[in-house]
Protein backbone atom coordinates (compact mmCIF):
# COMPACT_ATOMS: atom_id res chain seq x y z
CA MET A 1 -14.77 -7.40 -13.60
CA SER A 2 -17.22 -9.31 -11.41
CA CYS A 3 -16.27 -11.32 -8.35
CA ASP A 4 -17.36 -14.47 -10.21
CA GLU A 5 -14.94 -13.68 -13.05
CA ARG A 6 -12.11 -13.09 -10.57
CA PHE A 7 -13.03 -16.40 -8.89
CA ALA A 8 -12.70 -18.17 -12.26
CA GLN A 9 -9.30 -16.52 -12.82
CA GLU A 10 -8.05 -17.65 -9.42
CA ALA A 11 -9.24 -21.21 -10.07
CA GLN A 12 -7.38 -21.24 -13.39
CA ALA A 13 -4.23 -19.83 -11.76
CA LEU A 14 -4.34 -22.56 -9.10
CA GLY A 15 -4.96 -25.21 -11.75
CA TYR A 16 -8.07 -26.64 -10.08
CA ARG A 17 -11.80 -26.67 -10.81
CA PHE A 18 -14.28 -25.83 -8.08
CA ASP A 19 -17.49 -26.47 -10.02
CA GLY A 20 -17.90 -30.11 -8.98
CA GLU A 21 -19.25 -31.59 -5.80
CA ILE A 22 -17.84 -30.06 -2.61
CA LYS A 23 -17.53 -33.18 -0.47
CA ILE A 24 -18.12 -33.09 3.24
CA GLY A 25 -17.02 -35.73 5.67
CA GLY A 26 -19.81 -36.28 8.17
CA ASN A 27 -23.29 -35.57 9.44
CA TYR A 28 -23.23 -31.78 9.09
CA VAL A 29 -23.85 -29.16 6.44
CA PRO A 30 -21.13 -27.06 4.81
CA LEU A 31 -23.08 -23.79 5.08
CA VAL A 32 -25.84 -22.42 7.29
CA ARG A 33 -27.59 -19.14 6.55
CA ASP A 34 -29.10 -17.15 9.42
CA GLY A 35 -30.62 -13.99 8.02
CA ARG A 36 -27.78 -12.01 6.45
CA HIS A 37 -25.05 -14.19 8.00
CA LEU A 38 -23.55 -17.25 6.32
CA TYR A 39 -21.52 -19.64 8.46
CA LEU A 40 -19.24 -22.02 6.61
CA SER A 41 -17.85 -25.23 8.04
CA GLY A 42 -14.11 -25.74 7.92
CA GLN A 43 -12.77 -26.44 4.44
CA ILE A 44 -9.69 -28.54 3.83
CA PRO A 45 -7.71 -28.36 0.56
CA ARG A 46 -9.70 -31.13 -1.11
CA VAL A 47 -10.40 -31.07 -4.83
CA GLY A 48 -12.74 -33.87 -5.83
CA ASP A 49 -11.63 -36.88 -3.79
CA THR A 50 -8.04 -35.70 -3.32
CA VAL A 51 -6.60 -33.64 -0.48
CA VAL A 52 -4.04 -31.75 -2.55
CA VAL A 53 -1.71 -30.64 0.28
CA THR A 54 -1.08 -32.92 3.26
CA GLY A 55 1.24 -33.17 6.21
CA ALA A 56 2.73 -30.72 8.65
CA ALA A 57 3.82 -27.29 7.50
CA GLY A 58 7.52 -26.94 8.12
CA ALA A 59 8.18 -30.68 7.70
CA ASP A 60 6.07 -32.38 5.02
CA ALA A 61 4.83 -29.17 3.38
CA SER A 62 6.77 -26.00 2.65
CA LEU A 63 5.44 -22.55 3.51
CA GLN A 64 4.51 -22.11 -0.17
CA ASP A 65 2.66 -25.46 -0.20
CA ALA A 66 0.77 -24.48 2.95
CA GLN A 67 -0.17 -21.11 1.44
CA ARG A 68 -1.48 -22.92 -1.65
CA ALA A 69 -3.49 -25.18 0.66
CA ALA A 70 -4.99 -22.10 2.32
CA GLN A 71 -5.90 -20.74 -1.10
CA VAL A 72 -7.66 -23.97 -2.07
CA CYS A 73 -9.56 -23.91 1.24
CA ALA A 74 -10.66 -20.32 0.56
CA MET A 75 -11.71 -21.23 -2.99
CA ARG A 76 -13.89 -24.06 -1.65
CA ALA A 77 -15.52 -21.61 0.76
CA LEU A 78 -16.10 -19.13 -2.07
CA ALA A 79 -17.59 -21.89 -4.23
CA LEU A 80 -20.05 -22.69 -1.44
CA LEU A 81 -20.96 -19.01 -1.09
CA GLN A 82 -21.40 -18.71 -4.85
CA ARG A 83 -23.77 -21.68 -4.91
CA ALA A 84 -25.78 -20.41 -1.94
CA LEU A 85 -26.09 -16.83 -3.20
CA GLY A 86 -26.04 -17.30 -6.97
CA THR A 87 -23.12 -14.89 -7.33
CA LEU A 88 -20.14 -13.82 -5.27
CA ASP A 89 -21.12 -10.22 -5.96
CA ALA A 90 -23.85 -10.76 -3.33
CA VAL A 91 -21.22 -11.12 -0.56
CA THR A 92 -21.17 -7.81 1.31
CA ALA A 93 -18.46 -8.78 3.79
CA VAL A 94 -16.33 -11.62 5.05
CA LEU A 95 -16.49 -10.93 8.76
CA ARG A 96 -14.03 -13.49 10.05
CA ILE A 97 -11.88 -16.43 9.06
CA THR A 98 -10.06 -18.96 11.19
CA VAL A 99 -7.06 -20.73 9.68
CA TYR A 100 -5.83 -23.94 11.28
CA VAL A 101 -2.35 -25.04 10.22
CA GLN A 102 -1.03 -28.53 10.89
CA SER A 103 2.39 -27.50 12.14
CA ALA A 104 5.70 -29.23 12.69
CA PRO A 105 7.42 -28.51 16.02
CA GLY A 106 9.06 -25.11 15.80
CA PHE A 107 6.97 -23.93 12.82
CA THR A 108 5.80 -20.40 13.66
CA GLN A 109 4.62 -19.03 10.32
CA GLN A 110 0.90 -19.74 10.75
CA SER A 111 0.03 -16.12 9.95
CA GLU A 112 2.03 -16.29 6.71
CA VAL A 113 0.13 -19.46 5.77
CA ALA A 114 -3.15 -17.66 6.52
CA ASP A 115 -2.07 -14.85 4.18
CA GLY A 116 -2.69 -17.30 1.33
CA ALA A 117 -6.40 -17.36 2.17
CA SER A 118 -6.66 -13.70 3.15
CA ASP A 119 -4.97 -12.40 0.01
CA LEU A 120 -7.14 -14.61 -2.20
CA LEU A 121 -10.36 -13.46 -0.54
CA PHE A 122 -9.38 -9.84 -1.12
CA ARG A 123 -8.39 -10.51 -4.75
CA VAL A 124 -11.73 -12.16 -5.50
CA LEU A 125 -14.11 -10.05 -3.38
CA GLY A 126 -12.28 -6.72 -3.24
CA PRO A 127 -13.04 -4.70 -0.09
CA ALA A 128 -15.80 -7.19 0.87
CA GLY A 129 -13.02 -9.76 1.32
CA ALA A 130 -11.28 -7.80 4.11
CA HIS A 131 -11.85 -9.64 7.39
CA THR A 132 -10.77 -10.32 10.93
CA ARG A 133 -8.66 -13.43 11.33
CA THR A 134 -7.18 -15.93 13.71
CA SER A 135 -4.47 -18.38 12.66
CA VAL A 136 -3.42 -21.25 14.90
CA GLY A 137 -1.02 -24.16 14.73
CA VAL A 138 -2.45 -27.59 15.46
CA LEU A 139 -1.05 -31.11 15.78
CA GLN A 140 -3.37 -32.77 13.24
CA LEU A 141 -6.24 -32.00 10.86
CA PRO A 142 -8.83 -34.22 9.14
CA LYS A 143 -7.48 -36.39 6.30
CA ASN A 144 -3.94 -35.20 7.20
CA ALA A 145 -4.74 -31.85 5.54
CA THR A 146 -2.12 -29.17 6.02
CA VAL A 147 -4.69 -26.38 6.43
CA GLU A 148 -8.37 -25.95 7.32
CA VAL A 149 -10.24 -22.65 6.93
CA ASP A 150 -13.69 -21.65 8.15
CA LEU A 151 -15.41 -18.31 7.65
CA ILE A 152 -18.40 -16.13 8.38
CA ALA A 153 -19.79 -13.86 5.64
CA THR A 154 -22.73 -11.51 5.21
CA THR A 155 -25.06 -10.63 2.35
CA ASP A 156 -27.91 -8.14 1.85
């Protein structure tokens, strides 16, 4: 099964479509390619015009909600890669992701939230989805999003 087919399966399992416009919120681009490296701007869990998971993890959003938010963020990043490369099979490696988690005081499960994105990347891309990672708790994110994920990938 191709990476693109696994991407479609993950989208169906999440119940969202990622084939529409990927909205950005300012004067920047969502992806820059420099040779083999692709740098993706931070992605929040927005589908269409709606941020589908908002608020602080551990208060407004459960761990499971925050993990779903991380999955949606990763799917947006994969959709951008797919559009830039024509196919996700062209991704040779995800080098690094950073996962920002809007966190309630005392919430310490940022790495478990990040597992939502990490596990999804591996399910879609196989070994090319294995990556280094940092997960951090923050006070606030754009549009009150619960999670924001950025990543760096490579291609041949």
